[in-house]
Amino acid sequence: MRKTVFKPFLKMLCMRMILFYQKYLSRHTCLYRPTCSQYTLECINNHGAVIGIFLGAWRILRCNPFSKGGYDPAPERFFARRWLL
């Protein structure tokens, strides 16, 4: 029972920290679109806290002055259920 309550709390805590960073600390100077913080936010929302933070950290390592930048969307869940109407 405790695991089901803790996971959404951790996910929302990470997302709130990123939103705080975006609102008050960010200078909006990322080479990529969406920005690295928005990319991490989307990854946490799509994949969960642990994998989302790992994907966001990998993106931040790639975001350096020697990279070209450009459009790099957050990956969607590969094994997610696709509902057809």
PDB file of N, CA and C in Angstrom:
ATOM      1  N   MET A   1       0.817  -1.196   0.000  1.00  0.00           N
ATOM      2  CA  MET A   1       0.000   0.000   0.000  1.00  0.00           C
ATOM      3  C   MET A   1       0.858   1.256   0.000  1.00  0.00           C
ATOM      4  N   ARG A   2       1.954   1.227   0.687  1.00  0.00           N
ATOM      5  CA  ARG A   2       2.786   2.408   0.809  1.00  0.00           C
ATOM      6  C   ARG A   2       3.438   2.792  -0.520  1.00  0.00           C
ATOM      7  N   LYS A   3       3.815   1.826  -1.342  1.00  0.00           N
ATOM      8  CA  LYS A   3       4.454   2.123  -2.623  1.00  0.00           C
ATOM      9  C   LYS A   3       3.517   2.887  -3.547  1.00  0.00           C
ATOM     10  N   THR A   4       2.241   2.576  -3.533  1.00  0.00           N
ATOM     11  CA  THR A   4       1.306   3.262  -4.423  1.00  0.00           C
ATOM     12  C   THR A   4       1.104   4.708  -4.015  1.00  0.00           C
ATOM     13  N   VAL A   5       1.287   5.042  -2.747  1.00  0.00           N
ATOM     14  CA  VAL A   5       1.137   6.420  -2.300  1.00  0.00           C
ATOM     15  C   VAL A   5       2.423   7.198  -2.528  1.00  0.00           C
ATOM     16  N   PHE A   6       3.568   6.567  -2.397  1.00  0.00           N
ATOM     17  CA  PHE A   6       4.852   7.260  -2.472  1.00  0.00           C
ATOM     18  C   PHE A   6       5.220   7.655  -3.904  1.00  0.00           C
ATOM     19  N   LYS A   7       4.908   6.824  -4.896  1.00  0.00           N
ATOM     20  CA  LYS A   7       5.324   7.113  -6.267  1.00  0.00           C
ATOM     21  C   LYS A   7       4.729   8.399  -6.829  1.00  0.00           C
ATOM     22  N   PRO A   8       3.412   8.648  -6.708  1.00  0.00           N
ATOM     23  CA  PRO A   8       2.896   9.922  -7.222  1.00  0.00           C
ATOM     24  C   PRO A   8       3.457  11.127  -6.471  1.00  0.00           C
ATOM     25  N   PHE A   9       3.733  10.971  -5.177  1.00  0.00           N
ATOM     26  CA  PHE A   9       4.305  12.069  -4.408  1.00  0.00           C
ATOM     27  C   PHE A   9       5.692  12.431  -4.918  1.00  0.00           C
ATOM     28  N   LEU A  10       6.521  11.423  -5.183  1.00  0.00           N
ATOM     29  CA  LEU A  10       7.871  11.664  -5.691  1.00  0.00           C
ATOM     30  C   LEU A  10       7.822  12.304  -7.074  1.00  0.00           C
ATOM     31  N   LYS A  11       6.931  11.819  -7.912  1.00  0.00           N
ATOM     32  CA  LYS A  11       6.782  12.365  -9.269  1.00  0.00           C
ATOM     33  C   LYS A  11       6.362  13.834  -9.214  1.00  0.00           C
ATOM     34  N   MET A  12       5.378  14.151  -8.385  1.00  0.00           N
ATOM     35  CA  MET A  12       4.900  15.530  -8.290  1.00  0.00           C
ATOM     36  C   MET A  12       5.939  16.442  -7.637  1.00  0.00           C
ATOM     37  N   LEU A  13       6.693  15.928  -6.682  1.00  0.00           N
ATOM     38  CA  LEU A  13       7.747  16.719  -6.057  1.00  0.00           C
ATOM     39  C   LEU A  13       8.807  17.106  -7.088  1.00  0.00           C
ATOM     40  N   CYS A  14       9.230  16.147  -7.905  1.00  0.00           N
ATOM     41  CA  CYS A  14      10.222  16.430  -8.951  1.00  0.00           C
ATOM     42  C   CYS A  14       9.675  17.425  -9.964  1.00  0.00           C
ATOM     43  N   MET A  15       8.426  17.262 -10.339  1.00  0.00           N
ATOM     44  CA  MET A  15       7.829  18.164 -11.322  1.00  0.00           C
ATOM     45  C   MET A  15       7.681  19.582 -10.755  1.00  0.00           C
ATOM     46  N   ARG A  16       7.317  19.693  -9.480  1.00  0.00           N
ATOM     47  CA  ARG A  16       7.200  21.018  -8.854  1.00  0.00           C
ATOM     48  C   ARG A  16       8.560  21.709  -8.747  1.00  0.00           C
ATOM     49  N   MET A  17       9.603  20.950  -8.469  1.00  0.00           N
ATOM     50  CA  MET A  17      10.941  21.540  -8.398  1.00  0.00           C
ATOM     51  C   MET A  17      11.371  22.068  -9.762  1.00  0.00           C
ATOM     52  N   ILE A  18      11.058  21.345 -10.822  1.00  0.00           N
ATOM     53  CA  ILE A  18      11.407  21.804 -12.169  1.00  0.00           C
ATOM     54  C   ILE A  18      10.599  23.041 -12.535  1.00  0.00           C
ATOM     55  N   LEU A  19       9.319  23.062 -12.177  1.00  0.00           N
ATOM     56  CA  LEU A  19       8.497  24.240 -12.449  1.00  0.00           C
ATOM     57  C   LEU A  19       9.005  25.460 -11.684  1.00  0.00           C
ATOM     58  N   PHE A  20       9.467  25.267 -10.443  1.00  0.00           N
ATOM     59  CA  PHE A  20      10.073  26.364  -9.682  1.00  0.00           C
ATOM     60  C   PHE A  20      11.324  26.877 -10.393  1.00  0.00           C
ATOM     61  N   TYR A  21      12.154  25.948 -10.871  1.00  0.00           N
ATOM     62  CA  TYR A  21      13.364  26.330 -11.603  1.00  0.00           C
ATOM     63  C   TYR A  21      13.005  27.127 -12.862  1.00  0.00           C
ATOM     64  N   GLN A  22      12.009  26.652 -13.611  1.00  0.00           N
ATOM     65  CA  GLN A  22      11.626  27.338 -14.839  1.00  0.00           C
ATOM     66  C   GLN A  22      11.104  28.747 -14.561  1.00  0.00           C
ATOM     67  N   LYS A  23      10.346  28.905 -13.494  1.00  0.00           N
ATOM     68  CA  LYS A  23       9.720  30.193 -13.209  1.00  0.00           C
ATOM     69  C   LYS A  23      10.689  31.210 -12.626  1.00  0.00           C
ATOM     70  N   TYR A  24      11.559  30.785 -11.703  1.00  0.00           N
ATOM     71  CA  TYR A  24      12.365  31.746 -10.959  1.00  0.00           C
ATOM     72  C   TYR A  24      13.856  31.746 -11.282  1.00  0.00           C
ATOM     73  N   LEU A  25      14.418  30.655 -11.767  1.00  0.00           N
ATOM     74  CA  LEU A  25      15.867  30.574 -11.914  1.00  0.00           C
ATOM     75  C   LEU A  25      16.362  30.492 -13.353  1.00  0.00           C
ATOM     76  N   SER A  26      15.540  30.035 -14.262  1.00  0.00           N
ATOM     77  CA  SER A  26      15.980  29.777 -15.622  1.00  0.00           C
ATOM     78  C   SER A  26      16.227  31.064 -16.401  1.00  0.00           C
ATOM     79  N   ARG A  27      17.203  31.006 -17.291  1.00  0.00           N
ATOM     80  CA  ARG A  27      17.505  32.145 -18.160  1.00  0.00           C
ATOM     81  C   ARG A  27      17.042  31.905 -19.597  1.00  0.00           C
ATOM     82  N   HIS A  28      16.484  30.733 -19.883  1.00  0.00           N
ATOM     83  CA  HIS A  28      15.940  30.376 -21.204  1.00  0.00           C
ATOM     84  C   HIS A  28      17.001  30.474 -22.299  1.00  0.00           C
ATOM     85  N   THR A  29      18.153  29.864 -22.084  1.00  0.00           N
ATOM     86  CA  THR A  29      19.231  29.926 -23.072  1.00  0.00           C
ATOM     87  C   THR A  29      19.626  28.541 -23.581  1.00  0.00           C
ATOM     88  N   CYS A  30      18.683  27.632 -23.674  1.00  0.00           N
ATOM     89  CA  CYS A  30      18.989  26.275 -24.119  1.00  0.00           C
ATOM     90  C   CYS A  30      19.060  26.232 -25.646  1.00  0.00           C
ATOM     91  N   LEU A  31      19.957  25.403 -26.174  1.00  0.00           N
ATOM     92  CA  LEU A  31      20.103  25.258 -27.616  1.00  0.00           C
ATOM     93  C   LEU A  31      19.012  24.395 -28.234  1.00  0.00           C
ATOM     94  N   TYR A  32      18.404  23.558 -27.432  1.00  0.00           N
ATOM     95  CA  TYR A  32      17.402  22.623 -27.918  1.00  0.00           C
ATOM     96  C   TYR A  32      15.995  23.170 -27.737  1.00  0.00           C
ATOM     97  N   ARG A  33      15.083  22.652 -28.529  1.00  0.00           N
ATOM     98  CA  ARG A  33      13.658  22.920 -28.373  1.00  0.00           C
ATOM     99  C   ARG A  33      12.961  21.599 -28.229  1.00  0.00           C
ATOM    100  N   PRO A  34      12.194  21.318 -27.245  1.00  0.00           N
ATOM    101  CA  PRO A  34      11.917  22.098 -26.040  1.00  0.00           C
ATOM    102  C   PRO A  34      13.161  22.217 -25.164  1.00  0.00           C
ATOM    103  N   THR A  35      13.133  23.163 -24.262  1.00  0.00           N
ATOM    104  CA  THR A  35      14.302  23.387 -23.409  1.00  0.00           C
ATOM    105  C   THR A  35      14.583  22.148 -22.559  1.00  0.00           C
ATOM    106  N   CYS A  36      15.753  22.080 -21.989  1.00  0.00           N
ATOM    107  CA  CYS A  36      16.157  20.898 -21.204  1.00  0.00           C
ATOM    108  C   CYS A  36      15.249  20.679 -20.001  1.00  0.00           C
ATOM    109  N   SER A  37      14.823  21.761 -19.365  1.00  0.00           N
ATOM    110  CA  SER A  37      13.938  21.596 -18.210  1.00  0.00           C
ATOM    111  C   SER A  37      12.553  21.118 -18.645  1.00  0.00           C
ATOM    112  N   GLN A  38      12.046  21.609 -19.761  1.00  0.00           N
ATOM    113  CA  GLN A  38      10.749  21.137 -20.258  1.00  0.00           C
ATOM    114  C   GLN A  38      10.851  19.689 -20.729  1.00  0.00           C
ATOM    115  N   TYR A  39      11.963  19.333 -21.331  1.00  0.00           N
ATOM    116  CA  TYR A  39      12.209  17.951 -21.753  1.00  0.00           C
ATOM    117  C   TYR A  39      12.191  17.016 -20.543  1.00  0.00           C
ATOM    118  N   THR A  40      12.874  17.413 -19.464  1.00  0.00           N
ATOM    119  CA  THR A  40      12.896  16.601 -18.257  1.00  0.00           C
ATOM    120  C   THR A  40      11.511  16.505 -17.631  1.00  0.00           C
ATOM    121  N   LEU A  41      10.778  17.592 -17.651  1.00  0.00           N
ATOM    122  CA  LEU A  41       9.415  17.595 -17.127  1.00  0.00           C
ATOM    123  C   LEU A  41       8.525  16.620 -17.896  1.00  0.00           C
ATOM    124  N   GLU A  42       8.638  16.619 -19.217  1.00  0.00           N
ATOM    125  CA  GLU A  42       7.849  15.704 -20.040  1.00  0.00           C
ATOM    126  C   GLU A  42       8.281  14.257 -19.835  1.00  0.00           C
ATOM    127  N   CYS A  43       9.569  14.020 -19.674  1.00  0.00           N
ATOM    128  CA  CYS A  43      10.060  12.659 -19.436  1.00  0.00           C
ATOM    129  C   CYS A  43       9.576  12.124 -18.093  1.00  0.00           C
ATOM    130  N   ILE A  44       9.591  12.960 -17.069  1.00  0.00           N
ATOM    131  CA  ILE A  44       9.090  12.525 -15.767  1.00  0.00           C
ATOM    132  C   ILE A  44       7.600  12.218 -15.853  1.00  0.00           C
ATOM    133  N   ASN A  45       6.871  13.035 -16.589  1.00  0.00           N
ATOM    134  CA  ASN A  45       5.439  12.805 -16.741  1.00  0.00           C
ATOM    135  C   ASN A  45       5.156  11.521 -17.528  1.00  0.00           C
ATOM    136  N   ASN A  46       5.938  11.240 -18.551  1.00  0.00           N
ATOM    137  CA  ASN A  46       5.696  10.073 -19.410  1.00  0.00           C
ATOM    138  C   ASN A  46       6.257   8.782 -18.838  1.00  0.00           C
ATOM    139  N   HIS A  47       7.428   8.829 -18.206  1.00  0.00           N
ATOM    140  CA  HIS A  47       8.141   7.612 -17.814  1.00  0.00           C
ATOM    141  C   HIS A  47       8.241   7.384 -16.321  1.00  0.00           C
ATOM    142  N   GLY A  48       7.883   8.363 -15.510  1.00  0.00           N
ATOM    143  CA  GLY A  48       8.055   8.229 -14.068  1.00  0.00           C
ATOM    144  C   GLY A  48       9.272   8.998 -13.601  1.00  0.00           C
ATOM    145  N   ALA A  49       9.445   9.073 -12.293  1.00  0.00           N
ATOM    146  CA  ALA A  49      10.482   9.932 -11.723  1.00  0.00           C
ATOM    147  C   ALA A  49      11.894   9.437 -12.010  1.00  0.00           C
ATOM    148  N   VAL A  50      12.164   8.172 -11.805  1.00  0.00           N
ATOM    149  CA  VAL A  50      13.539   7.668 -11.913  1.00  0.00           C
ATOM    150  C   VAL A  50      14.025   7.698 -13.364  1.00  0.00           C
ATOM    151  N   ILE A  51      13.271   7.116 -14.264  1.00  0.00           N
ATOM    152  CA  ILE A  51      13.679   7.090 -15.678  1.00  0.00           C
ATOM    153  C   ILE A  51      13.644   8.495 -16.266  1.00  0.00           C
ATOM    154  N   GLY A  52      12.669   9.307 -15.861  1.00  0.00           N
ATOM    155  CA  GLY A  52      12.573  10.683 -16.355  1.00  0.00           C
ATOM    156  C   GLY A  52      13.770  11.523 -15.961  1.00  0.00           C
ATOM    157  N   ILE A  53      14.227  11.368 -14.728  1.00  0.00           N
ATOM    158  CA  ILE A  53      15.411  12.108 -14.280  1.00  0.00           C
ATOM    159  C   ILE A  53      16.654  11.619 -15.021  1.00  0.00           C
ATOM    160  N   PHE A  54      16.747  10.319 -15.255  1.00  0.00           N
ATOM    161  CA  PHE A  54      17.880   9.781 -16.009  1.00  0.00           C
ATOM    162  C   PHE A  54      17.888  10.331 -17.437  1.00  0.00           C
ATOM    163  N   LEU A  55      16.731  10.349 -18.113  1.00  0.00           N
ATOM    164  CA  LEU A  55      16.657  10.890 -19.473  1.00  0.00           C
ATOM    165  C   LEU A  55      16.968  12.384 -19.492  1.00  0.00           C
ATOM    166  N   GLY A  56      16.486  13.107 -18.486  1.00  0.00           N
ATOM    167  CA  GLY A  56      16.781  14.540 -18.400  1.00  0.00           C
ATOM    168  C   GLY A  56      18.259  14.820 -18.170  1.00  0.00           C
ATOM    169  N   ALA A  57      18.897  14.003 -17.332  1.00  0.00           N
ATOM    170  CA  ALA A  57      20.334  14.171 -17.095  1.00  0.00           C
ATOM    171  C   ALA A  57      21.137  13.875 -18.357  1.00  0.00           C
ATOM    172  N   TRP A  58      20.708  12.873 -19.110  1.00  0.00           N
ATOM    173  CA  TRP A  58      21.382  12.552 -20.378  1.00  0.00           C
ATOM    174  C   TRP A  58      21.242  13.716 -21.361  1.00  0.00           C
ATOM    175  N   ARG A  59      20.090  14.345 -21.383  1.00  0.00           N
ATOM    176  CA  ARG A  59      19.870  15.505 -22.258  1.00  0.00           C
ATOM    177  C   ARG A  59      20.743  16.671 -21.832  1.00  0.00           C
ATOM    178  N   ILE A  60      20.859  16.919 -20.529  1.00  0.00           N
ATOM    179  CA  ILE A  60      21.690  18.021 -20.038  1.00  0.00           C
ATOM    180  C   ILE A  60      23.158  17.776 -20.382  1.00  0.00           C
ATOM    181  N   LEU A  61      23.603  16.527 -20.350  1.00  0.00           N
ATOM    182  CA  LEU A  61      24.978  16.221 -20.752  1.00  0.00           C
ATOM    183  C   LEU A  61      25.201  16.485 -22.246  1.00  0.00           C
ATOM    184  N   ARG A  62      24.157  16.280 -23.057  1.00  0.00           N
ATOM    185  CA  ARG A  62      24.282  16.542 -24.489  1.00  0.00           C
ATOM    186  C   ARG A  62      24.183  18.022 -24.830  1.00  0.00           C
ATOM    187  N   CYS A  63      23.613  18.821 -23.941  1.00  0.00           N
ATOM    188  CA  CYS A  63      23.421  20.252 -24.188  1.00  0.00           C
ATOM    189  C   CYS A  63      24.693  20.991 -23.774  1.00  0.00           C
ATOM    190  N   ASN A  64      25.573  21.188 -24.721  1.00  0.00           N
ATOM    191  CA  ASN A  64      26.822  21.883 -24.450  1.00  0.00           C
ATOM    192  C   ASN A  64      27.133  22.807 -25.623  1.00  0.00           C
ATOM    193  N   PRO A  65      28.112  23.685 -25.504  1.00  0.00           N
ATOM    194  CA  PRO A  65      28.410  24.639 -26.578  1.00  0.00           C
ATOM    195  C   PRO A  65      28.842  23.982 -27.891  1.00  0.00           C
ATOM    196  N   PHE A  66      29.261  22.721 -27.863  1.00  0.00           N
ATOM    197  CA  PHE A  66      29.714  22.065 -29.075  1.00  0.00           C
ATOM    198  C   PHE A  66      28.604  21.321 -29.805  1.00  0.00           C
ATOM    199  N   SER A  67      27.404  21.263 -29.243  1.00  0.00           N
ATOM    200  CA  SER A  67      26.300  20.576 -29.912  1.00  0.00           C
ATOM    201  C   SER A  67      25.572  21.546 -30.837  1.00  0.00           C
ATOM    202  N   LYS A  68      24.900  20.994 -31.829  1.00  0.00           N
ATOM    203  CA  LYS A  68      24.184  21.820 -32.793  1.00  0.00           C
ATOM    204  C   LYS A  68      22.862  22.319 -32.248  1.00  0.00           C
ATOM    205  N   GLY A  69      22.255  21.560 -31.347  1.00  0.00           N
ATOM    206  CA  GLY A  69      20.950  21.950 -30.817  1.00  0.00           C
ATOM    207  C   GLY A  69      19.857  21.538 -31.783  1.00  0.00           C
ATOM    208  N   GLY A  70      18.740  22.243 -31.760  1.00  0.00           N
ATOM    209  CA  GLY A  70      17.643  21.953 -32.661  1.00  0.00           C
ATOM    210  C   GLY A  70      16.464  21.312 -31.950  1.00  0.00           C
ATOM    211  N   TYR A  71      15.590  20.693 -32.724  1.00  0.00           N
ATOM    212  CA  TYR A  71      14.381  20.089 -32.190  1.00  0.00           C
ATOM    213  C   TYR A  71      14.669  18.664 -31.736  1.00  0.00           C
ATOM    214  N   ASP A  72      14.417  18.388 -30.473  1.00  0.00           N
ATOM    215  CA  ASP A  72      14.645  17.069 -29.891  1.00  0.00           C
ATOM    216  C   ASP A  72      13.524  16.787 -28.895  1.00  0.00           C
ATOM    217  N   PRO A  73      12.417  16.182 -29.349  1.00  0.00           N
ATOM    218  CA  PRO A  73      11.279  15.967 -28.444  1.00  0.00           C
ATOM    219  C   PRO A  73      11.547  14.867 -27.430  1.00  0.00           C
ATOM    220  N   ALA A  74      10.800  14.899 -26.353  1.00  0.00           N
ATOM    221  CA  ALA A  74      10.906  13.872 -25.316  1.00  0.00           C
ATOM    222  C   ALA A  74      10.349  12.558 -25.858  1.00  0.00           C
ATOM    223  N   PRO A  75      11.002  11.439 -25.551  1.00  0.00           N
ATOM    224  CA  PRO A  75      10.501  10.155 -26.052  1.00  0.00           C
ATOM    225  C   PRO A  75       9.204   9.763 -25.352  1.00  0.00           C
ATOM    226  N   GLU A  76       8.331   9.146 -26.136  1.00  0.00           N
ATOM    227  CA  GLU A  76       7.087   8.654 -25.555  1.00  0.00           C
ATOM    228  C   GLU A  76       7.329   7.255 -25.012  1.00  0.00           C
ATOM    229  N   ARG A  77       6.397   6.773 -24.228  1.00  0.00           N
ATOM    230  CA  ARG A  77       6.516   5.408 -23.710  1.00  0.00           C
ATOM    231  C   ARG A  77       6.333   4.441 -24.859  1.00  0.00           C
ATOM    232  N   PHE A  78       7.321   3.594 -25.062  1.00  0.00           N
ATOM    233  CA  PHE A  78       7.292   2.666 -26.192  1.00  0.00           C
ATOM    234  C   PHE A  78       6.251   1.578 -25.993  1.00  0.00           C
ATOM    235  N   PHE A  79       6.119   1.100 -24.756  1.00  0.00           N
ATOM    236  CA  PHE A  79       5.204  -0.010 -24.486  1.00  0.00           C
ATOM    237  C   PHE A  79       3.851   0.476 -23.919  1.00  0.00           C
ATOM    238  N   ALA A  80       3.531   1.728 -24.109  1.00  0.00           N
ATOM    239  CA  ALA A  80       2.251   2.237 -23.604  1.00  0.00           C
ATOM    240  C   ALA A  80       1.096   1.646 -24.404  1.00  0.00           C
ATOM    241  N   ARG A  81      -0.001   1.484 -23.746  1.00  0.00           N
ATOM    242  CA  ARG A  81      -1.179   0.970 -24.440  1.00  0.00           C
ATOM    243  C   ARG A  81      -1.733   2.016 -25.379  1.00  0.00           C
ATOM    244  N   ARG A  82      -2.016   1.616 -26.558  1.00  0.00           N
ATOM    245  CA  ARG A  82      -2.614   2.504 -27.553  1.00  0.00           C
ATOM    246  C   ARG A  82      -4.090   2.169 -27.647  1.00  0.00           C
ATOM    247  N   TRP A  83      -4.933   3.109 -27.299  1.00  0.00           N
ATOM    248  CA  TRP A  83      -6.376   2.878 -27.357  1.00  0.00           C
ATOM    249  C   TRP A  83      -6.896   3.357 -28.690  1.00  0.00           C
ATOM    250  N   LEU A  84      -7.594   2.501 -29.368  1.00  0.00           N
ATOM    251  CA  LEU A  84      -8.170   2.836 -30.664  1.00  0.00           C
ATOM    252  C   LEU A  84      -9.673   3.042 -30.502  1.00  0.00           C
ATOM    253  N   LEU A  85     -10.190   4.061 -31.149  1.00  0.00           N
ATOM    254  CA  LEU A  85     -11.624   4.325 -31.088  1.00  0.00           C
ATOM    255  C   LEU A  85     -12.342   3.716 -32.248  1.00  0.00           C
TER     256      LEU A  85
END
